[in-house]
Protein backbone atom coordinates (compact mmCIF):
# COMPACT_ATOMS: atom_id res chain seq x y z
CA MET A 1 152.05 55.99 50.87
CA ASP A 2 151.04 59.39 49.52
CA GLN A 3 147.60 58.08 48.69
CA GLN A 4 147.20 56.62 52.17
CA SER A 5 148.31 59.92 53.71
CA ASN A 6 145.75 61.84 51.67
CA ILE A 7 143.01 59.45 52.79
CA LEU A 8 143.95 60.01 56.44
CA LYS A 9 143.96 63.79 55.97
CA SER A 10 140.58 63.63 54.28
CA SER A 11 139.18 61.60 57.16
CA SER A 12 140.59 64.11 59.62
CA ASN A 13 138.95 67.00 57.73
CA HIS A 14 135.62 65.20 57.71
CA ALA A 15 135.89 64.68 61.45
CA ASP A 16 136.47 68.38 61.95
CA LEU A 17 133.37 69.16 59.93
CA ASN A 18 131.24 66.72 61.91
CA PRO A 19 127.89 68.47 62.53
CA LEU A 20 127.49 66.64 65.84
CA SER A 21 130.75 68.16 67.02
CA ASP A 22 129.58 71.65 65.95
CA THR A 23 126.25 71.19 67.73
CA LYS A 24 128.01 70.12 70.90
CA SER A 25 130.29 73.15 70.79
CA TYR A 26 127.33 75.44 70.14
CA GLY A 27 125.50 73.97 73.12
CA ILE A 28 128.50 74.53 75.37
CA ASN A 29 128.95 78.11 74.15
CA LYS A 30 125.26 78.81 74.63
CA ARG A 31 125.35 77.51 78.19
CA MET A 32 128.44 79.61 78.88
CA LEU A 33 126.70 82.69 77.47
CA VAL A 34 123.62 82.07 79.62
CA SER A 35 125.83 81.57 82.68
CA VAL A 36 127.72 84.82 82.02
CA SER A 37 124.43 86.69 81.45
CA SER A 38 122.98 85.27 84.65
CA LEU A 39 126.05 86.31 86.60
CA GLY A 40 125.79 89.80 85.10
CA LEU A 41 122.14 90.12 86.07
CA LEU A 42 122.86 88.85 89.57
CA LYS A 43 125.63 91.43 89.96
CA ILE A 44 123.34 94.22 88.73
CA ARG A 45 120.63 93.06 91.13
CA LYS A 46 123.14 92.88 93.98
CA ASP A 47 124.43 96.39 93.20
CA TYR A 48 120.87 97.73 93.02
CA ILE A 49 119.96 96.20 96.38
CA SER A 50 123.18 97.52 97.88
CA MET A 51 122.50 101.05 96.57
CA PHE A 52 118.89 100.94 97.78
CA SER A 53 120.06 99.78 101.23
CA PHE A 54 122.62 102.60 101.31
CA PHE A 55 120.01 105.30 100.61
CA ARG A 56 117.48 103.70 102.94
CA LYS A 57 120.00 103.61 105.76
CA ASN A 58 120.87 107.29 105.29
CA LEU A 59 117.24 108.43 105.00
CA ALA A 60 116.46 106.63 108.26
CA SER A 61 119.62 107.82 110.00
CA GLU A 62 119.56 109.33 113.48
CA ASN A 63 121.73 112.14 112.09
CA VAL A 64 119.38 114.82 110.74
CA TYR A 65 122.11 116.38 108.58
CA LEU A 66 122.80 113.05 106.88
CA ARG A 67 119.06 112.72 106.21
CA ILE A 68 119.02 116.19 104.64
CA ALA A 69 122.10 115.54 102.47
CA THR A 70 120.74 112.23 101.18
CA THR A 71 117.29 113.66 100.49
CA CYS A 72 118.84 116.64 98.65
CA PHE A 73 120.81 114.30 96.40
CA LEU A 74 117.77 112.16 95.59
CA PHE A 75 115.68 115.29 95.06
CA VAL A 76 118.06 116.66 92.42
CA VAL A 77 118.32 113.32 90.60
CA ILE A 78 114.58 112.56 90.64
CA PHE A 79 113.31 116.07 89.97
CA PHE A 80 115.47 116.91 86.96
CA THR A 81 115.27 113.40 85.48
CA ILE A 82 111.47 113.50 85.51
CA THR A 83 111.50 117.08 84.22
CA THR A 84 113.61 116.03 81.23
CA ILE A 85 111.54 112.92 80.47
CA SER A 86 108.29 114.93 80.73
CA TYR A 87 109.64 117.60 78.38
CA PHE A 88 110.35 115.09 75.62
CA PHE A 89 107.54 112.57 76.02
CA LEU A 90 104.48 114.32 77.49
CA PRO A 91 102.19 116.90 75.85
CA GLU A 92 102.68 120.51 76.84
CA GLY A 93 100.20 121.68 79.48
CA ILE A 94 98.95 118.18 80.28
CA LEU A 95 98.49 118.96 84.00
CA ARG A 96 97.18 122.50 83.59
CA THR A 97 93.50 121.55 83.66
CA LYS A 98 94.17 119.21 86.60
CA ASN A 99 95.75 121.91 88.73
CA PRO A 100 93.57 122.50 91.83
CA VAL A 101 94.45 126.22 91.84
CA GLN A 102 93.72 126.74 88.16
CA ASN A 103 90.63 128.87 88.89
CA TRP A 104 91.84 130.20 92.24
CA ASP A 105 92.41 133.96 92.26
CA THR A 106 94.79 135.35 94.85
CA SER A 107 94.54 138.82 96.34
CA ASN A 108 96.03 141.83 94.56
CA ASN A 109 97.77 142.72 97.82
CA VAL A 110 101.26 141.21 98.03
CA LEU A 111 101.04 140.38 101.75
CA ALA A 112 97.56 138.88 101.56
CA SER A 113 98.44 136.93 98.43
CA ALA A 114 101.64 135.57 100.01
CA LEU A 115 99.70 134.39 103.07
CA GLN A 116 97.13 132.69 100.83
CA ILE A 117 99.86 130.88 98.93
CA PHE A 118 101.74 129.98 102.13
CA LEU A 119 98.63 128.51 103.78
CA PHE A 120 97.72 126.56 100.64
CA ASN A 121 101.25 125.10 100.51
CA GLN A 122 100.86 123.89 104.08
CA LEU A 123 98.57 121.17 102.71
CA SER A 124 101.68 119.44 101.40
CA VAL A 125 103.33 119.85 104.81
CA VAL A 126 100.31 118.27 106.49
CA MET A 127 100.57 115.28 104.13
CA ILE A 128 104.27 114.91 104.97
CA LEU A 129 103.61 115.13 108.73
CA ILE A 130 100.81 112.58 108.52
CA GLY A 131 103.13 110.30 106.54
CA ASN A 132 105.87 110.69 109.14
CA THR A 133 103.59 109.38 111.88
CA PHE A 134 103.86 105.98 110.14
CA SER A 135 107.16 104.14 109.75
CA SER A 136 108.38 100.64 109.05
CA ARG A 137 111.40 98.35 108.92
CA LYS A 138 111.93 94.74 107.87
CA ASN A 139 114.23 93.70 110.69
CA PRO A 140 115.61 95.05 113.99
CA GLU A 141 118.95 95.84 112.36
CA GLN A 142 117.32 98.67 110.36
CA ASN A 143 116.07 102.06 111.53
CA TYR A 144 112.41 102.92 110.99
CA LEU A 145 111.78 104.67 107.67
CA PRO A 146 108.74 107.03 107.66
CA ILE A 147 106.16 107.14 104.87
CA GLY A 148 106.55 110.93 104.71
CA TYR A 149 109.38 110.42 102.21
CA LEU A 150 106.89 108.86 99.81
CA ALA A 151 104.60 111.89 100.13
CA PHE A 152 107.51 114.26 99.48
CA PHE A 153 108.93 112.45 96.46
CA THR A 154 105.44 112.10 95.00
CA GLN A 155 104.96 115.84 95.35
CA ILE A 156 108.27 116.75 93.71
CA SER A 157 107.53 114.28 90.90
CA ILE A 158 104.28 116.13 90.18
CA ASN A 159 106.18 119.43 90.31
CA ALA A 160 108.75 118.01 87.88
CA VAL A 161 106.04 116.98 85.40
CA THR A 162 104.50 120.44 85.78
CA LEU A 163 107.83 122.06 84.91
CA GLY A 164 108.64 119.63 82.11
CA THR A 165 105.24 120.09 80.43
CA TRP A 166 104.90 123.80 81.37
CA SER A 167 101.58 123.15 83.13
CA PHE A 168 101.64 126.16 85.45
CA SER A 169 98.30 127.67 86.43
CA VAL A 170 99.47 131.09 85.24
CA VAL A 171 99.85 130.59 81.49
CA THR A 172 102.98 132.06 79.91
CA GLU A 173 105.00 131.30 76.79
CA ALA A 174 106.90 128.02 77.18
CA VAL A 175 110.70 128.17 77.16
CA PRO A 176 113.31 125.55 76.13
CA LEU A 177 114.30 122.77 78.54
CA LEU A 178 117.68 124.22 79.48
CA ASP A 179 116.08 127.57 80.32
CA ARG A 180 113.48 125.82 82.48
CA ILE A 181 116.21 124.05 84.44
CA MET A 182 118.41 127.14 84.80
CA GLU A 183 115.50 129.37 85.85
CA THR A 184 114.68 126.91 88.63
CA PHE A 185 117.87 128.10 90.35
CA ASP A 186 116.89 131.78 90.04
CA ALA A 187 116.08 132.06 93.75
CA LEU A 188 115.26 135.78 93.52
CA HIS A 189 112.46 135.32 90.99
CA ARG A 190 111.41 131.66 91.23
CA ALA A 191 109.64 130.18 94.24
CA GLY A 192 110.01 126.49 93.41
CA LEU A 193 113.30 125.74 95.18
CA TRP A 194 112.28 127.76 98.24
CA GLU A 195 109.01 125.88 98.62
CA MET A 196 110.36 122.40 97.85
CA GLY A 197 113.45 123.10 99.97
CA GLY A 198 111.20 124.08 102.86
CA GLN A 199 109.21 120.87 102.47
CA LEU A 200 112.47 118.90 102.42
CA LEU A 201 113.71 120.46 105.65
CA ILE A 202 110.40 119.86 107.42
CA LEU A 203 110.37 116.26 106.18
CA CYS A 204 113.86 115.52 107.48
CA ALA A 205 113.32 117.36 110.76
CA THR A 206 110.25 115.28 111.61
CA ALA A 207 111.42 111.91 110.21
CA LYS A 208 111.67 110.50 113.74
CA MET A 209 108.23 111.51 114.99
CA SER A 210 106.50 108.23 114.08
CA ILE A 211 103.95 106.88 116.53
CA ILE A 212 102.75 103.88 114.49
CA MET A 213 105.74 101.66 113.75
CA THR A 214 105.72 98.39 111.84
CA ASP A 215 108.55 95.95 112.54
CA GLY A 216 108.14 93.06 110.10
CA ASN A 217 104.68 91.69 110.88
CA LYS A 218 104.49 93.40 114.25
CA THR A 219 102.98 96.89 114.69
CA SER A 220 103.46 99.00 117.80
CA VAL A 221 101.99 102.35 118.80
CA ARG A 222 103.66 104.86 121.06
CA SER A 223 102.29 107.94 122.76
CA TRP A 224 102.71 111.46 121.41
CA LYS A 225 104.46 112.22 124.70
CA GLU A 226 107.30 109.97 123.60
CA VAL A 227 107.92 112.03 120.47
CA ARG A 228 110.82 114.40 121.00
CA LEU A 229 112.50 116.65 118.45
CA SER A 230 116.08 117.69 119.13
CA LYS A 231 117.05 121.37 119.16
CA GLN A 232 118.59 120.97 115.73
CA GLU A 233 115.41 119.38 114.36
CA VAL A 234 113.26 122.17 115.81
CA PHE A 235 115.59 124.76 114.26
CA ILE A 236 115.50 122.98 110.88
CA PHE A 237 111.71 122.69 111.04
CA GLY A 238 111.46 126.45 111.62
CA GLY A 239 113.90 127.04 108.76
CA GLY A 240 111.66 124.98 106.49
CA LEU A 241 108.65 127.16 107.31
CA ILE A 242 110.72 130.30 106.65
CA PHE A 243 111.82 128.91 103.29
CA MET A 244 108.21 128.26 102.32
CA LEU A 245 107.17 131.75 103.45
CA ILE A 246 109.92 133.33 101.35
CA GLY A 247 108.77 131.24 98.40
CA ALA A 248 105.19 132.40 98.94
CA PHE A 249 106.25 136.07 98.79
CA ILE A 250 108.31 135.50 95.64
CA GLU A 251 105.40 133.71 93.99
CA SER A 252 103.03 136.46 95.11
CA PHE A 253 105.23 139.17 93.55
CA SER A 254 105.49 137.17 90.32
CA ILE A 255 101.75 136.65 89.99
CA ILE A 256 100.89 140.28 90.72
CA ASN A 257 103.61 141.67 88.42
CA LEU A 258 102.53 139.33 85.62
CA GLY A 259 98.94 140.55 86.07
CA ASN A 260 100.08 144.17 85.88
CA ILE A 261 102.05 143.48 82.69
CA ARG A 262 98.98 141.96 81.07
C-alpha cells in the first residue's frame, strides 16, 4: 500500500510540473496583464481628455474673470516648466543670435526708450488680436475658442526658453536657475511679468471678438459691427496696455542703468 501511495504522489507531482499547464497559466497571466495595462492607459487617456476639456471650457468661457484665472494658471505651469527644461537641456545663449532686437539700440532717454520698447511689444499684441479674430469649436455644445491663445502661449514659451538659456539681448553674467525664477517676480526691477501679464489681460479681454468662426466643417463670418466688448473687458484691455507700458519703463531704466555701469 505504501508503494502504491508513493506512486500516486509521484504522479501528482509530475502533473503539477506539467509544462503545458505552466504555459497555459503564463498565457492567462499575460492576457490579464495586458488587460490591466490597457485599462490603465484608457483611464489615463480619459483623464487627459477630461482635463483638456476642463481647460478648454474655461478658456472659452463667457466669464472674462474665469478666462483670466485659467490662463494665469496655465501660464505659470507652462512658463516655469519650459524655463526649467531649457536650463538643463539647452545650450546657454542659444536664442541670443536669433533675437530680432539683438542689434537694436534704444534711445538714451528713458521716456523715448520706454516708448520704443512699448511700441515694439505691441507686435505681440497685434498677433494676439489677429489670432482672436479666428475661433473654432467641434460641436454646438462648446463655446468658440480663439486662436489668440496659441499666439500667446507660443510667445511665453519663447520667453521661457530665453530665460532658461539666458539668451537676453543685453548680455550679462548668467545666474543659477532658482535666482532666475525668483528674479522674475521682482516687479520693481524686472519687466517680464508686467509685459506678459499685459498680454494675458489683452488676450482674455478680446477672446470673444472673433469674426471668422468655424463650427465643425462649417465656417461663418460676422460683421465687425457685431463685435461688442463689455465694460469689464474694455477695462481689462486698458489695464493690459498699462501693464505693458509699466514694463517698458522698467526695461528702459534697466537698459540705460546697465549701459551707465559699463
